[in-house]
Amino acid sequence: TALPLLSGRPIELGGRRFFDAGIAESIPYRTAAAQG
C-alpha cells in the first residue's frame, strides 16, 4: 500500500524496496494464474 510520494519512501523487505502493488498489478489475477 506504499503510495508514491503520499506514503513516503518505498518499504524495504528482504533486501529489496517496494512501492504500491497498483503501479504494476492493480488486479492481482495475473500472478494467481502464473502460480498455477
PDB file of all heavy atoms in Angstrom:
ATOM      1  N   THR A   1       0.815  -1.225   0.000  1.00  0.00           N
ATOM      2  CA  THR A   1       0.000   0.000   0.000  1.00  0.00           C
ATOM      3  C   THR A   1       0.847   1.272   0.000  1.00  0.00           C
ATOM      4  O   THR A   1       0.340   2.354   0.301  1.00  0.00           O
ATOM      5  CB  THR A   1      -0.919   0.018   1.240  1.00  0.00           C
ATOM      6  OG1 THR A   1      -0.111  -0.078   2.432  1.00  0.00           O
ATOM      7  CG2 THR A   1      -1.890  -1.151   1.221  1.00  0.00           C
ATOM      8  N   ALA A   2       2.127   1.163  -0.367  1.00  0.00           N
ATOM      9  CA  ALA A   2       3.056   2.300  -0.304  1.00  0.00           C
ATOM     10  C   ALA A   2       2.868   3.214  -1.507  1.00  0.00           C
ATOM     11  O   ALA A   2       3.572   3.116  -2.520  1.00  0.00           O
ATOM     12  CB  ALA A   2       4.497   1.804  -0.231  1.00  0.00           C
ATOM     13  N   LEU A   3       1.937   4.141  -1.403  1.00  0.00           N
ATOM     14  CA  LEU A   3       1.642   5.065  -2.496  1.00  0.00           C
ATOM     15  C   LEU A   3       2.827   5.995  -2.756  1.00  0.00           C
ATOM     16  O   LEU A   3       3.401   6.546  -1.809  1.00  0.00           O
ATOM     17  CB  LEU A   3       0.404   5.896  -2.155  1.00  0.00           C
ATOM     18  CG  LEU A   3      -0.917   5.138  -2.025  1.00  0.00           C
ATOM     19  CD1 LEU A   3      -1.978   6.047  -1.424  1.00  0.00           C
ATOM     20  CD2 LEU A   3      -1.365   4.599  -3.367  1.00  0.00           C
ATOM     21  N   PRO A   4       3.192   6.184  -4.012  1.00  0.00           N
ATOM     22  CA  PRO A   4       4.312   7.089  -4.324  1.00  0.00           C
ATOM     23  C   PRO A   4       4.060   8.489  -3.773  1.00  0.00           C
ATOM     24  O   PRO A   4       2.968   9.024  -3.906  1.00  0.00           O
ATOM     25  CB  PRO A   4       4.337   7.094  -5.859  1.00  0.00           C
ATOM     26  CG  PRO A   4       3.677   5.827  -6.260  1.00  0.00           C
ATOM     27  CD  PRO A   4       2.613   5.572  -5.225  1.00  0.00           C
ATOM     28  N   LEU A   5       5.068   9.062  -3.141  1.00  0.00           N
ATOM     29  CA  LEU A   5       5.047  10.392  -2.533  1.00  0.00           C
ATOM     30  C   LEU A   5       4.142  10.454  -1.303  1.00  0.00           C
ATOM     31  O   LEU A   5       4.577  10.881  -0.232  1.00  0.00           O
ATOM     32  CB  LEU A   5       4.611  11.457  -3.550  1.00  0.00           C
ATOM     33  CG  LEU A   5       5.580  11.675  -4.727  1.00  0.00           C
ATOM     34  CD1 LEU A   5       5.016  12.727  -5.677  1.00  0.00           C
ATOM     35  CD2 LEU A   5       6.948  12.113  -4.230  1.00  0.00           C
ATOM     36  N   LEU A   6       2.875  10.036  -1.415  1.00  0.00           N
ATOM     37  CA  LEU A   6       1.951  10.149  -0.298  1.00  0.00           C
ATOM     38  C   LEU A   6       2.376   9.308   0.899  1.00  0.00           C
ATOM     39  O   LEU A   6       2.145   9.692   2.047  1.00  0.00           O
ATOM     40  CB  LEU A   6       0.533   9.741  -0.729  1.00  0.00           C
ATOM     41  CG  LEU A   6      -0.166  10.661  -1.728  1.00  0.00           C
ATOM     42  CD1 LEU A   6      -1.525  10.088  -2.108  1.00  0.00           C
ATOM     43  CD2 LEU A   6      -0.326  12.062  -1.160  1.00  0.00           C
ATOM     44  N   SER A   7       2.987   8.147   0.633  1.00  0.00           N
ATOM     45  CA  SER A   7       3.395   7.260   1.723  1.00  0.00           C
ATOM     46  C   SER A   7       4.881   7.359   2.048  1.00  0.00           C
ATOM     47  O   SER A   7       5.397   6.573   2.840  1.00  0.00           O
ATOM     48  CB  SER A   7       3.048   5.801   1.374  1.00  0.00           C
ATOM     49  OG  SER A   7       1.661   5.627   1.259  1.00  0.00           O
ATOM     50  N   GLY A   8       5.556   8.291   1.439  1.00  0.00           N
ATOM     51  CA  GLY A   8       6.979   8.448   1.705  1.00  0.00           C
ATOM     52  C   GLY A   8       7.833   7.480   0.902  1.00  0.00           C
ATOM     53  O   GLY A   8       7.480   7.104  -0.220  1.00  0.00           O
ATOM     54  N   ARG A   9       8.941   7.074   1.464  1.00  0.00           N
ATOM     55  CA  ARG A   9       9.892   6.224   0.762  1.00  0.00           C
ATOM     56  C   ARG A   9       9.352   4.807   0.588  1.00  0.00           C
ATOM     57  O   ARG A   9       8.447   4.384   1.326  1.00  0.00           O
ATOM     58  CB  ARG A   9      11.210   6.182   1.541  1.00  0.00           C
ATOM     59  CG  ARG A   9      11.913   7.528   1.604  1.00  0.00           C
ATOM     60  CD  ARG A   9      13.202   7.431   2.389  1.00  0.00           C
ATOM     61  NE  ARG A   9      13.901   8.717   2.423  1.00  0.00           N
ATOM     62  CZ  ARG A   9      15.049   8.919   3.055  1.00  0.00           C
ATOM     63  NH1 ARG A   9      15.626   7.915   3.712  1.00  0.00           N
ATOM     64  NH2 ARG A   9      15.607  10.106   3.039  1.00  0.00           N
ATOM     65  N   PRO A  10       9.907   4.057  -0.356  1.00  0.00           N
ATOM     66  CA  PRO A  10       9.483   2.656  -0.528  1.00  0.00           C
ATOM     67  C   PRO A  10       9.807   1.849   0.719  1.00  0.00           C
ATOM     68  O   PRO A  10      10.676   2.219   1.515  1.00  0.00           O
ATOM     69  CB  PRO A  10      10.295   2.186  -1.738  1.00  0.00           C
ATOM     70  CG  PRO A  10      11.489   3.091  -1.778  1.00  0.00           C
ATOM     71  CD  PRO A  10      10.992   4.422  -1.304  1.00  0.00           C
ATOM     72  N   ILE A  11       9.115   0.747   0.864  1.00  0.00           N
ATOM     73  CA  ILE A  11       9.308  -0.125   2.022  1.00  0.00           C
ATOM     74  C   ILE A  11      10.363  -1.178   1.702  1.00  0.00           C
ATOM     75  O   ILE A  11      10.310  -1.826   0.651  1.00  0.00           O
ATOM     76  CB  ILE A  11       7.981  -0.811   2.412  1.00  0.00           C
ATOM     77  CG1 ILE A  11       6.914   0.238   2.724  1.00  0.00           C
ATOM     78  CG2 ILE A  11       8.188  -1.743   3.593  1.00  0.00           C
ATOM     79  CD1 ILE A  11       7.260   1.176   3.863  1.00  0.00           C
ATOM     80  N   GLU A  12      11.313  -1.334   2.604  1.00  0.00           N
ATOM     81  CA  GLU A  12      12.362  -2.328   2.406  1.00  0.00           C
ATOM     82  C   GLU A  12      11.954  -3.656   3.030  1.00  0.00           C
ATOM     83  O   GLU A  12      11.524  -3.708   4.181  1.00  0.00           O
ATOM     84  CB  GLU A  12      13.675  -1.837   3.022  1.00  0.00           C
ATOM     85  CG  GLU A  12      14.233  -0.602   2.325  1.00  0.00           C
ATOM     86  CD  GLU A  12      15.635  -0.256   2.779  1.00  0.00           C
ATOM     87  OE1 GLU A  12      16.276  -1.109   3.440  1.00  0.00           O
ATOM     88  OE2 GLU A  12      16.099   0.850   2.464  1.00  0.00           O
ATOM     89  N   LEU A  13      12.093  -4.713   2.252  1.00  0.00           N
ATOM     90  CA  LEU A  13      11.732  -6.049   2.703  1.00  0.00           C
ATOM     91  C   LEU A  13      12.573  -7.060   1.940  1.00  0.00           C
ATOM     92  O   LEU A  13      12.625  -7.018   0.708  1.00  0.00           O
ATOM     93  CB  LEU A  13      10.235  -6.303   2.452  1.00  0.00           C
ATOM     94  CG  LEU A  13       9.657  -7.643   2.911  1.00  0.00           C
ATOM     95  CD1 LEU A  13       9.798  -7.820   4.422  1.00  0.00           C
ATOM     96  CD2 LEU A  13       8.180  -7.741   2.515  1.00  0.00           C
ATOM     97  N   GLY A  14      13.260  -7.925   2.659  1.00  0.00           N
ATOM     98  CA  GLY A  14      14.077  -8.942   2.022  1.00  0.00           C
ATOM     99  C   GLY A  14      15.204  -8.387   1.183  1.00  0.00           C
ATOM    100  O   GLY A  14      15.590  -8.988   0.175  1.00  0.00           O
ATOM    101  N   GLY A  15      15.725  -7.225   1.576  1.00  0.00           N
ATOM    102  CA  GLY A  15      16.821  -6.622   0.839  1.00  0.00           C
ATOM    103  C   GLY A  15      16.399  -5.913  -0.437  1.00  0.00           C
ATOM    104  O   GLY A  15      17.259  -5.496  -1.227  1.00  0.00           O
ATOM    105  N   ARG A  16      15.101  -5.748  -0.646  1.00  0.00           N
ATOM    106  CA  ARG A  16      14.584  -5.046  -1.828  1.00  0.00           C
ATOM    107  C   ARG A  16      13.645  -3.934  -1.371  1.00  0.00           C
ATOM    108  O   ARG A  16      13.228  -3.889  -0.215  1.00  0.00           O
ATOM    109  CB  ARG A  16      13.850  -6.040  -2.745  1.00  0.00           C
ATOM    110  CG  ARG A  16      14.749  -7.155  -3.251  1.00  0.00           C
ATOM    111  CD  ARG A  16      13.971  -8.339  -3.783  1.00  0.00           C
ATOM    112  NE  ARG A  16      13.280  -8.036  -5.025  1.00  0.00           N
ATOM    113  CZ  ARG A  16      12.510  -8.925  -5.674  1.00  0.00           C
ATOM    114  NH1 ARG A  16      12.344 -10.148  -5.171  1.00  0.00           N
ATOM    115  NH2 ARG A  16      11.924  -8.598  -6.807  1.00  0.00           N
ATOM    116  N   ARG A  17      13.338  -3.024  -2.288  1.00  0.00           N
ATOM    117  CA  ARG A  17      12.454  -1.908  -1.975  1.00  0.00           C
ATOM    118  C   ARG A  17      11.196  -2.004  -2.819  1.00  0.00           C
ATOM    119  O   ARG A  17      11.257  -2.315  -4.015  1.00  0.00           O
ATOM    120  CB  ARG A  17      13.164  -0.575  -2.229  1.00  0.00           C
ATOM    121  CG  ARG A  17      14.358  -0.355  -1.297  1.00  0.00           C
ATOM    122  CD  ARG A  17      15.027   0.983  -1.517  1.00  0.00           C
ATOM    123  NE  ARG A  17      15.627   1.099  -2.839  1.00  0.00           N
ATOM    124  CZ  ARG A  17      16.298   2.153  -3.272  1.00  0.00           C
ATOM    125  NH1 ARG A  17      16.439   3.210  -2.463  1.00  0.00           N
ATOM    126  NH2 ARG A  17      16.832   2.178  -4.465  1.00  0.00           N
ATOM    127  N   PHE A  18      10.045  -1.695  -2.179  1.00  0.00           N
ATOM    128  CA  PHE A  18       8.768  -1.892  -2.849  1.00  0.00           C
ATOM    129  C   PHE A  18       7.848  -0.680  -2.696  1.00  0.00           C
ATOM    130  O   PHE A  18       7.840  -0.015  -1.660  1.00  0.00           O
ATOM    131  CB  PHE A  18       8.055  -3.119  -2.275  1.00  0.00           C
ATOM    132  CG  PHE A  18       8.788  -4.411  -2.502  1.00  0.00           C
ATOM    133  CD1 PHE A  18       9.571  -4.952  -1.495  1.00  0.00           C
ATOM    134  CD2 PHE A  18       8.699  -5.079  -3.718  1.00  0.00           C
ATOM    135  CE1 PHE A  18      10.251  -6.149  -1.686  1.00  0.00           C
ATOM    136  CE2 PHE A  18       9.378  -6.263  -3.922  1.00  0.00           C
ATOM    137  CZ  PHE A  18      10.149  -6.808  -2.916  1.00  0.00           C
ATOM    138  N   PHE A  19       7.077  -0.452  -3.763  1.00  0.00           N
ATOM    139  CA  PHE A  19       6.000   0.528  -3.760  1.00  0.00           C
ATOM    140  C   PHE A  19       4.663  -0.199  -3.921  1.00  0.00           C
ATOM    141  O   PHE A  19       4.613  -1.421  -4.110  1.00  0.00           O
ATOM    142  CB  PHE A  19       6.178   1.528  -4.903  1.00  0.00           C
ATOM    143  CG  PHE A  19       7.132   2.651  -4.613  1.00  0.00           C
ATOM    144  CD1 PHE A  19       8.391   2.679  -5.193  1.00  0.00           C
ATOM    145  CD2 PHE A  19       6.776   3.689  -3.767  1.00  0.00           C
ATOM    146  CE1 PHE A  19       9.278   3.714  -4.944  1.00  0.00           C
ATOM    147  CE2 PHE A  19       7.648   4.735  -3.502  1.00  0.00           C
ATOM    148  CZ  PHE A  19       8.905   4.748  -4.102  1.00  0.00           C
ATOM    149  N   ASP A  20       3.611   0.578  -3.891  1.00  0.00           N
ATOM    150  CA  ASP A  20       2.233   0.102  -4.018  1.00  0.00           C
ATOM    151  C   ASP A  20       2.056  -0.895  -5.165  1.00  0.00           C
ATOM    152  O   ASP A  20       2.547  -0.686  -6.273  1.00  0.00           O
ATOM    153  CB  ASP A  20       1.329   1.319  -4.254  1.00  0.00           C
ATOM    154  CG  ASP A  20      -0.134   0.972  -4.229  1.00  0.00           C
ATOM    155  OD1 ASP A  20      -0.650   0.565  -5.286  1.00  0.00           O
ATOM    156  OD2 ASP A  20      -0.763   1.117  -3.173  1.00  0.00           O
ATOM    157  N   ALA A  21       1.321  -1.965  -4.889  1.00  0.00           N
ATOM    158  CA  ALA A  21       1.089  -3.005  -5.890  1.00  0.00           C
ATOM    159  C   ALA A  21       0.403  -2.461  -7.139  1.00  0.00           C
ATOM    160  O   ALA A  21       0.625  -2.955  -8.248  1.00  0.00           O
ATOM    161  CB  ALA A  21       0.243  -4.128  -5.287  1.00  0.00           C
ATOM    162  N   GLY A  22      -0.442  -1.436  -6.955  1.00  0.00           N
ATOM    163  CA  GLY A  22      -1.224  -0.928  -8.076  1.00  0.00           C
ATOM    164  C   GLY A  22      -0.406  -0.333  -9.199  1.00  0.00           C
ATOM    165  O   GLY A  22      -0.916  -0.185 -10.312  1.00  0.00           O
ATOM    166  N   ILE A  23       0.841  -0.012  -8.949  1.00  0.00           N
ATOM    167  CA  ILE A  23       1.681   0.508 -10.033  1.00  0.00           C
ATOM    168  C   ILE A  23       1.866  -0.543 -11.107  1.00  0.00           C
ATOM    169  O   ILE A  23       1.812  -0.254 -12.303  1.00  0.00           O
ATOM    170  CB  ILE A  23       3.058   0.959  -9.487  1.00  0.00           C
ATOM    171  CG1 ILE A  23       2.887   2.133  -8.525  1.00  0.00           C
ATOM    172  CG2 ILE A  23       3.998   1.338 -10.632  1.00  0.00           C
ATOM    173  CD1 ILE A  23       4.176   2.530  -7.822  1.00  0.00           C
ATOM    174  N   ALA A  24       2.048  -1.795 -10.697  1.00  0.00           N
ATOM    175  CA  ALA A  24       2.332  -2.867 -11.658  1.00  0.00           C
ATOM    176  C   ALA A  24       1.171  -3.828 -11.863  1.00  0.00           C
ATOM    177  O   ALA A  24       1.004  -4.382 -12.955  1.00  0.00           O
ATOM    178  CB  ALA A  24       3.570  -3.657 -11.214  1.00  0.00           C
ATOM    179  N   GLU A  25       0.341  -4.046 -10.827  1.00  0.00           N
ATOM    180  CA  GLU A  25      -0.736  -5.047 -10.953  1.00  0.00           C
ATOM    181  C   GLU A  25      -1.868  -4.699  -9.998  1.00  0.00           C
ATOM    182  O   GLU A  25      -1.930  -5.202  -8.879  1.00  0.00           O
ATOM    183  CB  GLU A  25      -0.200  -6.457 -10.678  1.00  0.00           C
ATOM    184  CG  GLU A  25      -1.196  -7.555 -11.006  1.00  0.00           C
ATOM    185  CD  GLU A  25      -0.628  -8.957 -10.855  1.00  0.00           C
ATOM    186  OE1 GLU A  25       0.550  -9.102 -10.461  1.00  0.00           O
ATOM    187  OE2 GLU A  25      -1.369  -9.928 -11.127  1.00  0.00           O
ATOM    188  N   SER A  26      -2.789  -3.864 -10.465  1.00  0.00           N
ATOM    189  CA  SER A  26      -3.908  -3.446  -9.619  1.00  0.00           C
ATOM    190  C   SER A  26      -4.902  -4.564  -9.386  1.00  0.00           C
ATOM    191  O   SER A  26      -5.566  -4.616  -8.350  1.00  0.00           O
ATOM    192  CB  SER A  26      -4.636  -2.253 -10.262  1.00  0.00           C
ATOM    193  OG  SER A  26      -3.816  -1.119 -10.302  1.00  0.00           O
ATOM    194  N   ILE A  27      -5.045  -5.436 -10.379  1.00  0.00           N
ATOM    195  CA  ILE A  27      -5.965  -6.573 -10.278  1.00  0.00           C
ATOM    196  C   ILE A  27      -5.097  -7.825 -10.229  1.00  0.00           C
ATOM    197  O   ILE A  27      -4.561  -8.252 -11.262  1.00  0.00           O
ATOM    198  CB  ILE A  27      -6.921  -6.627 -11.483  1.00  0.00           C
ATOM    199  CG1 ILE A  27      -7.529  -5.247 -11.753  1.00  0.00           C
ATOM    200  CG2 ILE A  27      -8.027  -7.648 -11.244  1.00  0.00           C
ATOM    201  CD1 ILE A  27      -8.287  -5.157 -13.064  1.00  0.00           C
ATOM    202  N   PRO A  28      -4.910  -8.434  -9.089  1.00  0.00           N
ATOM    203  CA  PRO A  28      -3.852  -9.440  -8.927  1.00  0.00           C
ATOM    204  C   PRO A  28      -4.175 -10.834  -9.453  1.00  0.00           C
ATOM    205  O   PRO A  28      -3.757 -11.834  -8.869  1.00  0.00           O
ATOM    206  CB  PRO A  28      -3.644  -9.451  -7.410  1.00  0.00           C
ATOM    207  CG  PRO A  28      -4.980  -9.116  -6.849  1.00  0.00           C
ATOM    208  CD  PRO A  28      -5.568  -8.115  -7.808  1.00  0.00           C
ATOM    209  N   TYR A  29      -4.868 -10.884 -10.579  1.00  0.00           N
ATOM    210  CA  TYR A  29      -5.220 -12.204 -11.122  1.00  0.00           C
ATOM    211  C   TYR A  29      -4.101 -12.789 -11.974  1.00  0.00           C
ATOM    212  O   TYR A  29      -3.987 -14.021 -12.094  1.00  0.00           O
ATOM    213  CB  TYR A  29      -6.510 -12.120 -11.941  1.00  0.00           C
ATOM    214  CG  TYR A  29      -6.338 -11.516 -13.315  1.00  0.00           C
ATOM    215  CD1 TYR A  29      -6.238 -12.335 -14.442  1.00  0.00           C
ATOM    216  CD2 TYR A  29      -6.276 -10.138 -13.497  1.00  0.00           C
ATOM    217  CE1 TYR A  29      -6.073 -11.783 -15.707  1.00  0.00           C
ATOM    218  CE2 TYR A  29      -6.115  -9.591 -14.742  1.00  0.00           C
ATOM    219  CZ  TYR A  29      -6.015 -10.419 -15.847  1.00  0.00           C
ATOM    220  OH  TYR A  29      -5.831  -9.877 -17.100  1.00  0.00           O
ATOM    221  N   ARG A  30      -3.260 -11.942 -12.568  1.00  0.00           N
ATOM    222  CA  ARG A  30      -2.203 -12.466 -13.438  1.00  0.00           C
ATOM    223  C   ARG A  30      -1.174 -13.262 -12.622  1.00  0.00           C
ATOM    224  O   ARG A  30      -0.705 -14.321 -13.066  1.00  0.00           O
ATOM    225  CB  ARG A  30      -1.520 -11.332 -14.199  1.00  0.00           C
ATOM    226  CG  ARG A  30      -2.423 -10.667 -15.235  1.00  0.00           C
ATOM    227  CD  ARG A  30      -1.656  -9.676 -16.095  1.00  0.00           C
ATOM    228  NE  ARG A  30      -2.520  -8.992 -17.044  1.00  0.00           N
ATOM    229  CZ  ARG A  30      -2.849  -9.462 -18.246  1.00  0.00           C
ATOM    230  NH1 ARG A  30      -2.375 -10.634 -18.633  1.00  0.00           N
ATOM    231  NH2 ARG A  30      -3.642  -8.775 -19.052  1.00  0.00           N
ATOM    232  N   THR A  31      -0.827 -12.766 -11.457  1.00  0.00           N
ATOM    233  CA  THR A  31       0.095 -13.512 -10.606  1.00  0.00           C
ATOM    234  C   THR A  31      -0.525 -14.820 -10.150  1.00  0.00           C
ATOM    235  O   THR A  31       0.142 -15.861 -10.117  1.00  0.00           O
ATOM    236  CB  THR A  31       0.506 -12.663  -9.389  1.00  0.00           C
ATOM    237  OG1 THR A  31       1.260 -11.530  -9.837  1.00  0.00           O
ATOM    238  CG2 THR A  31       1.357 -13.461  -8.423  1.00  0.00           C
ATOM    239  N   ALA A  32      -1.814 -14.783  -9.807  1.00  0.00           N
ATOM    240  CA  ALA A  32      -2.501 -16.018  -9.400  1.00  0.00           C
ATOM    241  C   ALA A  32      -2.464 -17.050 -10.527  1.00  0.00           C
ATOM    242  O   ALA A  32      -2.193 -18.236 -10.287  1.00  0.00           O
ATOM    243  CB  ALA A  32      -3.938 -15.711  -9.008  1.00  0.00           C
ATOM    244  N   ALA A  33      -2.714 -16.606 -11.750  1.00  0.00           N
ATOM    245  CA  ALA A  33      -2.688 -17.526 -12.892  1.00  0.00           C
ATOM    246  C   ALA A  33      -1.286 -18.061 -13.131  1.00  0.00           C
ATOM    247  O   ALA A  33      -1.090 -19.259 -13.382  1.00  0.00           O
ATOM    248  CB  ALA A  33      -3.207 -16.813 -14.138  1.00  0.00           C
ATOM    249  N   ALA A  34      -0.284 -17.187 -13.030  1.00  0.00           N
ATOM    250  CA  ALA A  34       1.098 -17.607 -13.267  1.00  0.00           C
ATOM    251  C   ALA A  34       1.558 -18.624 -12.231  1.00  0.00           C
ATOM    252  O   ALA A  34       2.443 -19.447 -12.509  1.00  0.00           O
ATOM    253  CB  ALA A  34       2.022 -16.393 -13.257  1.00  0.00           C
ATOM    254  N   GLN A  35       0.955 -18.585 -11.040  1.00  0.00           N
ATOM    255  CA  GLN A  35       1.349 -19.504  -9.973  1.00  0.00           C
ATOM    256  C   GLN A  35       0.496 -20.768  -9.928  1.00  0.00           C
ATOM    257  O   GLN A  35       0.561 -21.527  -8.960  1.00  0.00           O
ATOM    258  CB  GLN A  35       1.322 -18.780  -8.633  1.00  0.00           C
ATOM    259  CG  GLN A  35       2.384 -17.690  -8.533  1.00  0.00           C
ATOM    260  CD  GLN A  35       2.447 -17.030  -7.168  1.00  0.00           C
ATOM    261  OE1 GLN A  35       1.650 -17.302  -6.278  1.00  0.00           O
ATOM    262  NE2 GLN A  35       3.404 -16.131  -6.992  1.00  0.00           N
ATOM    263  N   GLY A  36      -0.282 -20.999 -10.975  1.00  0.00           N
ATOM    264  CA  GLY A  36      -0.956 -22.283 -11.114  1.00  0.00           C
ATOM    265  C   GLY A  36      -2.419 -22.344 -10.749  1.00  0.00           C
ATOM    266  O   GLY A  36      -2.995 -23.442 -10.696  1.00  0.00           O
TER     267      GLY A  36
END
